[in-house]
Amino acid sequence: MGEHTAAHEDEYRIARLRERLASGGTAELGVQVEHRGGAVLLTGTVPTAALRDEILRLAHDELSGLTVRPDLAVACADAPDRWEELP
């Protein structure tokens, strides 16, 4: 397989991951998938660690063999467990 064909296949796989993220339970999360410098960068904020793990699993399934660099933050929306102390 030529270099051009391999690059085209990588772009196809990345597009398929974007489509899976947009159509499943991860839709509306705003996770960005970018191909940069030979790696795939996943960025965004998700509400739970379980959703982050699901996104990483999907990325691993679609992009096996490619370098995936996750930068997914988990937003904690839990109520505080103690009072805030102000000076």
C-alpha atoms as a PDB file:
ATOM      1  CA  MET A   1       0.000   0.000   0.000  1.00  0.00           C
ATOM      2  CA  GLY A   2       1.420   3.385  -0.954  1.00  0.00           C
ATOM      3  CA  GLU A   3       1.900   6.309   1.393  1.00  0.00           C
ATOM      4  CA  HIS A   4      -0.934   8.240  -0.279  1.00  0.00           C
ATOM      5  CA  THR A   5      -3.315   5.268   0.064  1.00  0.00           C
ATOM      6  CA  ALA A   6      -2.391   4.788   3.740  1.00  0.00           C
ATOM      7  CA  ALA A   7      -3.010   8.483   4.469  1.00  0.00           C
ATOM      8  CA  HIS A   8      -6.383   8.270   2.734  1.00  0.00           C
ATOM      9  CA  GLU A   9      -7.299   5.186   4.797  1.00  0.00           C
ATOM     10  CA  ASP A  10      -6.301   7.009   8.025  1.00  0.00           C
ATOM     11  CA  GLU A  11      -8.518   9.983   7.116  1.00  0.00           C
ATOM     12  CA  TYR A  12     -11.398   7.600   6.385  1.00  0.00           C
ATOM     13  CA  ARG A  13     -10.998   5.917   9.784  1.00  0.00           C
ATOM     14  CA  ILE A  14     -10.843   9.296  11.551  1.00  0.00           C
ATOM     15  CA  ALA A  15     -14.017  10.420   9.747  1.00  0.00           C
ATOM     16  CA  ARG A  16     -15.716   7.176  10.778  1.00  0.00           C
ATOM     17  CA  LEU A  17     -14.785   7.842  14.430  1.00  0.00           C
ATOM     18  CA  ARG A  18     -16.199  11.375  14.192  1.00  0.00           C
ATOM     19  CA  GLU A  19     -19.416   9.920  12.776  1.00  0.00           C
ATOM     20  CA  ARG A  20     -19.683   7.341  15.580  1.00  0.00           C
ATOM     21  CA  LEU A  21     -19.136  10.035  18.215  1.00  0.00           C
ATOM     22  CA  ALA A  22     -21.767  12.287  16.615  1.00  0.00           C
ATOM     23  CA  SER A  23     -24.423   9.587  16.335  1.00  0.00           C
ATOM     24  CA  GLY A  24     -24.166   7.628  19.581  1.00  0.00           C
ATOM     25  CA  GLY A  25     -24.562   8.350  23.260  1.00  0.00           C
ATOM     26  CA  THR A  26     -21.564  10.640  23.028  1.00  0.00           C
ATOM     27  CA  ALA A  27     -23.314  13.079  20.679  1.00  0.00           C
ATOM     28  CA  GLU A  28     -23.557  16.684  21.843  1.00  0.00           C
ATOM     29  CA  LEU A  29     -20.427  16.381  23.981  1.00  0.00           C
ATOM     30  CA  GLY A  30     -18.337  18.499  21.646  1.00  0.00           C
ATOM     31  CA  VAL A  31     -15.366  16.148  21.508  1.00  0.00           C
ATOM     32  CA  GLN A  32     -12.983  17.245  18.762  1.00  0.00           C
ATOM     33  CA  VAL A  33     -11.000  14.738  16.697  1.00  0.00           C
ATOM     34  CA  GLU A  34      -8.026  16.200  14.817  1.00  0.00           C
ATOM     35  CA  HIS A  35      -5.242  14.602  12.773  1.00  0.00           C
ATOM     36  CA  ARG A  36      -2.029  16.434  13.692  1.00  0.00           C
ATOM     37  CA  GLY A  37       1.555  15.524  12.936  1.00  0.00           C
ATOM     38  CA  GLY A  38       1.044  11.789  12.578  1.00  0.00           C
ATOM     39  CA  ALA A  39      -1.195  11.484  15.647  1.00  0.00           C
ATOM     40  CA  VAL A  40      -4.902  11.810  16.336  1.00  0.00           C
ATOM     41  CA  LEU A  41      -5.752  14.328  19.054  1.00  0.00           C
ATOM     42  CA  LEU A  42      -8.996  13.949  21.043  1.00  0.00           C
ATOM     43  CA  THR A  43      -9.956  17.090  22.948  1.00  0.00           C
ATOM     44  CA  GLY A  44     -12.963  18.259  24.906  1.00  0.00           C
ATOM     45  CA  THR A  45     -14.771  18.012  28.205  1.00  0.00           C
ATOM     46  CA  VAL A  46     -17.061  15.145  29.144  1.00  0.00           C
ATOM     47  CA  PRO A  47     -19.397  14.860  32.144  1.00  0.00           C
ATOM     48  CA  THR A  48     -18.159  11.504  33.494  1.00  0.00           C
ATOM     49  CA  ALA A  49     -15.107   9.276  33.528  1.00  0.00           C
ATOM     50  CA  ALA A  50     -17.281   6.473  32.110  1.00  0.00           C
ATOM     51  CA  LEU A  51     -18.044   8.552  29.009  1.00  0.00           C
ATOM     52  CA  ARG A  52     -14.360   9.412  28.633  1.00  0.00           C
ATOM     53  CA  ASP A  53     -13.546   5.703  28.790  1.00  0.00           C
ATOM     54  CA  GLU A  54     -16.236   4.937  26.197  1.00  0.00           C
ATOM     55  CA  ILE A  55     -14.806   7.557  23.819  1.00  0.00           C
ATOM     56  CA  LEU A  56     -11.309   6.144  24.272  1.00  0.00           C
ATOM     57  CA  ARG A  57     -12.627   2.628  23.590  1.00  0.00           C
ATOM     58  CA  LEU A  58     -14.307   3.819  20.377  1.00  0.00           C
ATOM     59  CA  ALA A  59     -11.092   5.568  19.328  1.00  0.00           C
ATOM     60  CA  HIS A  60      -9.068   2.421  19.990  1.00  0.00           C
ATOM     61  CA  ASP A  61     -11.553   0.328  17.958  1.00  0.00           C
ATOM     62  CA  GLU A  62     -11.520   2.680  14.963  1.00  0.00           C
ATOM     63  CA  LEU A  63      -7.917   3.858  15.029  1.00  0.00           C
ATOM     64  CA  SER A  64      -5.879   0.813  16.031  1.00  0.00           C
ATOM     65  CA  GLY A  65      -2.332   1.239  14.791  1.00  0.00           C
ATOM     66  CA  LEU A  66      -2.489   5.048  14.914  1.00  0.00           C
ATOM     67  CA  THR A  67      -1.114   7.159  17.751  1.00  0.00           C
ATOM     68  CA  VAL A  68      -4.040   8.592  19.741  1.00  0.00           C
ATOM     69  CA  ARG A  69      -3.369  11.440  22.159  1.00  0.00           C
ATOM     70  CA  PRO A  70      -6.356  11.949  24.465  1.00  0.00           C
ATOM     71  CA  ASP A  71      -6.856  15.303  26.146  1.00  0.00           C
ATOM     72  CA  LEU A  72     -10.355  14.743  27.528  1.00  0.00           C
ATOM     73  CA  ALA A  73     -11.211  16.524  30.763  1.00  0.00           C
ATOM     74  CA  VAL A  74     -13.907  15.215  33.085  1.00  0.00           C
ATOM     75  CA  ALA A  75     -16.150  17.984  34.385  1.00  0.00           C
ATOM     76  CA  CYS A  76     -17.210  17.299  37.918  1.00  0.00           C
ATOM     77  CA  ALA A  77     -20.756  18.532  38.458  1.00  0.00           C
ATOM     78  CA  ASP A  78     -21.173  16.930  41.876  1.00  0.00           C
ATOM     79  CA  ALA A  79     -22.284  19.022  44.816  1.00  0.00           C
ATOM     80  CA  PRO A  80     -19.439  19.958  47.157  1.00  0.00           C
ATOM     81  CA  ASP A  81     -18.970  17.595  50.081  1.00  0.00           C
ATOM     82  CA  ARG A  82     -17.954  20.363  52.508  1.00  0.00           C
ATOM     83  CA  TRP A  83     -18.397  24.073  53.101  1.00  0.00           C
ATOM     84  CA  GLU A  84     -16.137  26.472  51.296  1.00  0.00           C
ATOM     85  CA  GLU A  85     -13.983  28.409  53.744  1.00  0.00           C
ATOM     86  CA  LEU A  86     -13.521  32.040  52.812  1.00  0.00           C
ATOM     87  CA  PRO A  87     -10.748  34.209  54.273  1.00  0.00           C
END
